[in-house]
N, C-alpha and C. Protein backbone atom coordinates (compact mmCIF):
# COMPACT_ATOMS: atom_id res chain seq x y z
N MET A 1 1.91 33.55 -36.49
CA MET A 1 0.20 33.96 -36.78
C MET A 1 -0.59 32.14 -36.44
N ARG A 2 0.40 31.69 -37.13
CA ARG A 2 -0.35 30.10 -36.99
C ARG A 2 -0.66 29.56 -35.89
N ARG A 3 0.99 29.92 -34.83
CA ARG A 3 1.24 29.50 -34.08
C ARG A 3 0.14 30.03 -32.66
N THR A 4 0.01 31.35 -32.93
CA THR A 4 -1.72 32.20 -32.31
C THR A 4 -2.34 31.80 -32.34
N ALA A 5 -3.00 31.30 -33.17
CA ALA A 5 -3.99 30.45 -33.81
C ALA A 5 -4.44 29.09 -32.97
N ILE A 6 -3.84 28.67 -33.32
CA ILE A 6 -4.07 27.16 -32.14
C ILE A 6 -4.01 28.05 -31.39
N VAL A 7 -2.85 29.13 -30.21
CA VAL A 7 -3.21 28.92 -28.48
C VAL A 7 -3.97 29.09 -28.37
N TYR A 8 -4.80 29.65 -29.17
CA TYR A 8 -6.11 31.13 -29.18
C TYR A 8 -7.29 29.72 -29.02
N ALA A 9 -7.21 29.02 -30.12
CA ALA A 9 -7.24 26.55 -30.12
C ALA A 9 -8.07 27.46 -28.74
N ILE A 10 -7.24 26.00 -28.49
CA ILE A 10 -6.80 25.61 -27.40
C ILE A 10 -7.28 25.66 -25.54
N LEU A 11 -7.12 27.93 -25.67
CA LEU A 11 -8.28 28.27 -25.89
C LEU A 11 -9.41 27.73 -24.70
N VAL A 12 -10.66 28.40 -25.84
CA VAL A 12 -11.90 28.10 -26.16
C VAL A 12 -12.10 26.98 -25.77
N ALA A 13 -11.77 25.73 -26.47
CA ALA A 13 -11.89 24.61 -25.94
C ALA A 13 -11.75 24.49 -24.97
N GLY A 14 -10.94 25.40 -24.06
CA GLY A 14 -10.55 25.09 -22.27
C GLY A 14 -12.14 25.58 -21.77
N CYS A 15 -12.75 26.61 -22.66
CA CYS A 15 -13.36 27.29 -20.98
C CYS A 15 -14.72 26.77 -21.78
N ALA A 16 -14.98 26.20 -22.39
CA ALA A 16 -16.57 25.35 -22.47
C ALA A 16 -16.20 24.34 -21.54
N THR A 17 -17.58 24.62 -20.06
CA THR A 17 -17.97 24.32 -18.84
C THR A 17 -18.99 22.62 -20.04
N LYS A 18 -19.14 22.20 -18.56
CA LYS A 18 -20.20 21.21 -18.97
C LYS A 18 -21.03 21.81 -17.83
N GLN A 19 -22.80 22.22 -17.87
CA GLN A 19 -24.17 22.83 -17.23
C GLN A 19 -24.58 21.51 -16.72
N TYR A 20 -24.97 21.01 -15.12
CA TYR A 20 -25.20 20.04 -14.72
C TYR A 20 -27.08 20.78 -14.88
N THR A 21 -27.75 20.00 -15.20
CA THR A 21 -29.30 20.44 -14.67
C THR A 21 -30.05 19.26 -13.62
N TYR A 22 -30.73 19.14 -12.32
CA TYR A 22 -30.38 18.50 -11.60
C TYR A 22 -32.12 18.11 -11.24
N ASP A 23 -33.26 17.71 -11.56
CA ASP A 23 -34.49 17.61 -11.36
C ASP A 23 -35.38 16.56 -10.25
N LYS A 24 -36.21 16.83 -10.31
CA LYS A 24 -36.75 15.66 -8.87
C LYS A 24 -38.03 16.63 -8.79
N PRO A 25 -39.11 14.68 -8.67
CA PRO A 25 -40.23 15.37 -8.54
C PRO A 25 -40.76 16.53 -7.33
N GLY A 26 -41.76 17.57 -7.49
CA GLY A 26 -41.92 18.41 -6.43
C GLY A 26 -40.78 18.80 -6.09
N LEU A 27 -39.71 19.15 -6.74
CA LEU A 27 -38.44 19.71 -5.92
C LEU A 27 -38.77 21.44 -5.17
N THR A 28 -38.64 21.85 -4.29
CA THR A 28 -38.31 23.40 -4.30
C THR A 28 -36.93 23.94 -4.52
N PRO A 29 -36.54 25.63 -4.71
CA PRO A 29 -35.51 25.95 -4.87
C PRO A 29 -35.55 26.28 -3.23
N ALA A 30 -35.87 25.83 -2.01
CA ALA A 30 -35.60 25.54 -0.37
C ALA A 30 -34.39 24.06 -0.65
N LYS A 31 -34.89 23.47 -1.39
CA LYS A 31 -34.48 21.53 -1.21
C LYS A 31 -33.15 21.81 -2.25
N LEU A 32 -33.12 21.63 -2.86
CA LEU A 32 -32.37 22.18 -4.28
C LEU A 32 -30.55 22.39 -3.36
N ASP A 33 -30.94 24.28 -2.87
CA ASP A 33 -30.09 24.76 -2.74
C ASP A 33 -29.28 23.85 -1.45
N HIS A 34 -30.14 23.21 -1.01
CA HIS A 34 -30.30 23.03 0.69
C HIS A 34 -29.00 21.08 0.49
N ASP A 35 -29.25 20.42 -0.82
CA ASP A 35 -29.05 19.40 -1.14
C ASP A 35 -27.61 19.53 -2.15
N MET A 36 -27.63 20.68 -2.61
CA MET A 36 -26.25 20.93 -3.52
C MET A 36 -25.32 21.50 -2.38
N ARG A 37 -26.27 22.04 -1.81
CA ARG A 37 -25.07 21.76 -0.59
C ARG A 37 -23.69 20.68 0.33
N LEU A 38 -24.64 20.09 0.93
CA LEU A 38 -24.15 18.35 1.14
C LEU A 38 -23.69 18.78 0.46
N CYS A 39 -23.70 17.90 -0.85
CA CYS A 39 -23.30 17.52 -2.43
C CYS A 39 -21.22 18.35 -2.41
N ARG A 40 -22.52 19.39 -3.03
CA ARG A 40 -20.81 19.76 -2.88
C ARG A 40 -19.45 19.69 -1.85
N LYS A 41 -20.44 20.24 -1.10
CA LYS A 41 -19.17 19.38 0.76
C LYS A 41 -18.36 18.43 0.22
N GLU A 42 -19.38 17.02 0.29
CA GLU A 42 -18.67 15.86 -0.12
C GLU A 42 -17.75 15.44 -0.97
N ALA A 43 -17.73 16.08 -2.55
CA ALA A 43 -17.45 17.11 -3.39
C ALA A 43 -15.71 17.45 -3.12
N ASN A 44 -16.04 18.26 -2.60
CA ASN A 44 -15.28 19.80 -2.40
C ASN A 44 -13.46 18.96 -2.70
N ASP A 45 -12.26 19.78 -3.87
CA ASP A 45 -11.34 18.88 -3.68
C ASP A 45 -10.37 19.69 -3.85
N PRO A 46 -10.24 19.75 -2.52
CA PRO A 46 -9.52 21.64 -2.22
C PRO A 46 -7.92 21.39 -2.83
N GLN A 47 -7.59 20.55 -3.50
CA GLN A 47 -6.05 20.26 -4.24
C GLN A 47 -6.58 20.65 -6.38
N MET A 48 -8.11 20.72 -6.46
CA MET A 48 -8.80 21.26 -7.16
C MET A 48 -8.60 22.43 -8.41
N VAL A 49 -7.69 22.48 -9.32
CA VAL A 49 -7.76 23.81 -9.77
C VAL A 49 -8.81 24.59 -10.34
N ALA A 50 -9.06 25.67 -10.05
CA ALA A 50 -9.76 26.17 -10.18
C ALA A 50 -10.21 27.64 -10.74
N LEU A 51 -11.23 27.96 -11.35
CA LEU A 51 -10.81 30.06 -11.64
C LEU A 51 -11.41 30.30 -10.55
N PRO A 52 -10.81 31.93 -9.39
CA PRO A 52 -10.95 32.26 -8.74
C PRO A 52 -13.47 31.91 -8.35
N GLY A 53 -13.25 31.53 -7.00
CA GLY A 53 -14.88 31.30 -7.11
C GLY A 53 -15.51 30.61 -7.71
N THR A 54 -14.42 29.53 -8.19
CA THR A 54 -15.79 28.87 -8.98
C THR A 54 -15.10 27.47 -7.87
N PRO A 55 -16.11 26.74 -7.58
CA PRO A 55 -15.52 25.59 -6.75
C PRO A 55 -15.63 24.52 -6.95
N ARG A 56 -14.48 24.37 -5.88
CA ARG A 56 -13.42 22.96 -6.39
C ARG A 56 -14.13 21.58 -6.60
N SER A 57 -15.14 21.59 -6.85
CA SER A 57 -16.14 20.11 -6.78
C SER A 57 -15.20 19.18 -8.01
N ASP A 58 -15.38 17.70 -7.44
CA ASP A 58 -15.24 16.63 -8.82
C ASP A 58 -16.69 16.52 -8.93
N MET A 59 -16.78 16.80 -9.96
CA MET A 59 -18.31 16.92 -10.55
C MET A 59 -19.24 15.52 -10.70
N THR A 60 -18.06 14.84 -10.44
CA THR A 60 -18.86 13.48 -10.77
C THR A 60 -19.31 12.72 -9.39
N ILE A 61 -18.31 13.73 -8.47
CA ILE A 61 -18.96 12.87 -6.85
C ILE A 61 -20.14 13.66 -6.42
N LEU A 62 -20.31 14.31 -6.90
CA LEU A 62 -21.11 15.89 -6.85
C LEU A 62 -22.20 15.07 -7.33
N ASN A 63 -22.54 15.05 -8.76
CA ASN A 63 -23.87 13.85 -9.75
C ASN A 63 -23.62 12.82 -8.57
N ARG A 64 -23.53 12.48 -8.21
CA ARG A 64 -23.88 10.83 -8.05
C ARG A 64 -24.33 11.06 -6.33
N CYS A 65 -23.78 12.54 -5.98
CA CYS A 65 -24.37 12.67 -4.28
C CYS A 65 -25.15 12.85 -5.01
N MET A 66 -26.03 13.96 -5.61
CA MET A 66 -27.61 14.09 -6.34
C MET A 66 -27.90 12.74 -6.25
N GLU A 67 -27.45 11.80 -7.31
CA GLU A 67 -28.53 10.84 -7.31
C GLU A 67 -29.05 10.24 -6.93
N ARG A 68 -27.61 9.54 -5.26
CA ARG A 68 -28.41 8.81 -3.86
C ARG A 68 -29.21 9.34 -3.68
N LYS A 69 -29.72 11.48 -3.92
CA LYS A 69 -30.46 12.28 -3.34
C LYS A 69 -32.16 11.61 -3.80
N GLY A 70 -31.29 11.25 -5.37
CA GLY A 70 -33.45 10.88 -6.49
C GLY A 70 -33.15 11.92 -7.07
N TYR A 71 -32.58 12.63 -7.63
CA TYR A 71 -32.07 13.51 -8.36
C TYR A 71 -31.71 13.16 -10.02
N THR A 72 -31.87 12.91 -11.10
CA THR A 72 -31.90 12.97 -12.44
C THR A 72 -31.39 13.82 -12.76
N VAL A 73 -29.76 13.71 -12.96
CA VAL A 73 -28.72 14.91 -13.64
C VAL A 73 -28.83 14.42 -15.46
N ARG A 74 -28.57 15.76 -15.32
CA ARG A 74 -28.48 15.61 -17.52
C ARG A 74 -27.49 17.09 -17.42
N GLN A 75 -26.77 16.28 -18.87
CA GLN A 75 -25.62 17.77 -19.16
C GLN A 75 -25.44 18.47 -20.23
N GLU A 76 -25.21 19.51 -20.07
CA GLU A 76 -25.24 20.20 -21.25
C GLU A 76 -24.88 20.70 -21.27
N GLU A 77 -23.74 20.60 -22.50
CA GLU A 77 -22.14 21.37 -22.96
C GLU A 77 -22.76 23.37 -23.32
N ARG A 78 -21.82 23.26 -22.47
CA ARG A 78 -22.44 25.15 -22.63
C ARG A 78 -21.18 25.60 -23.01
N GLN A 79 -20.65 27.29 -23.80
CA GLN A 79 -19.41 27.51 -24.22
C GLN A 79 -19.48 28.93 -24.38
């Protein structure tokens, strides 16, 4: 029973994901989508392990790319 609780705690901790918000004056949804596509392409890491349907992006590289494009990047913790 104790071993199960430890495994469960590790799994729950691993499921917490970091969510990012990108703000920029005069931003339109189309511009955000365009810039995100370019930055995801730059940050793509095919060797990264990710859940199916989840982008394999290095978030540090993606966020730096978005900052270079004039965005303010904010991190929010989600579970």
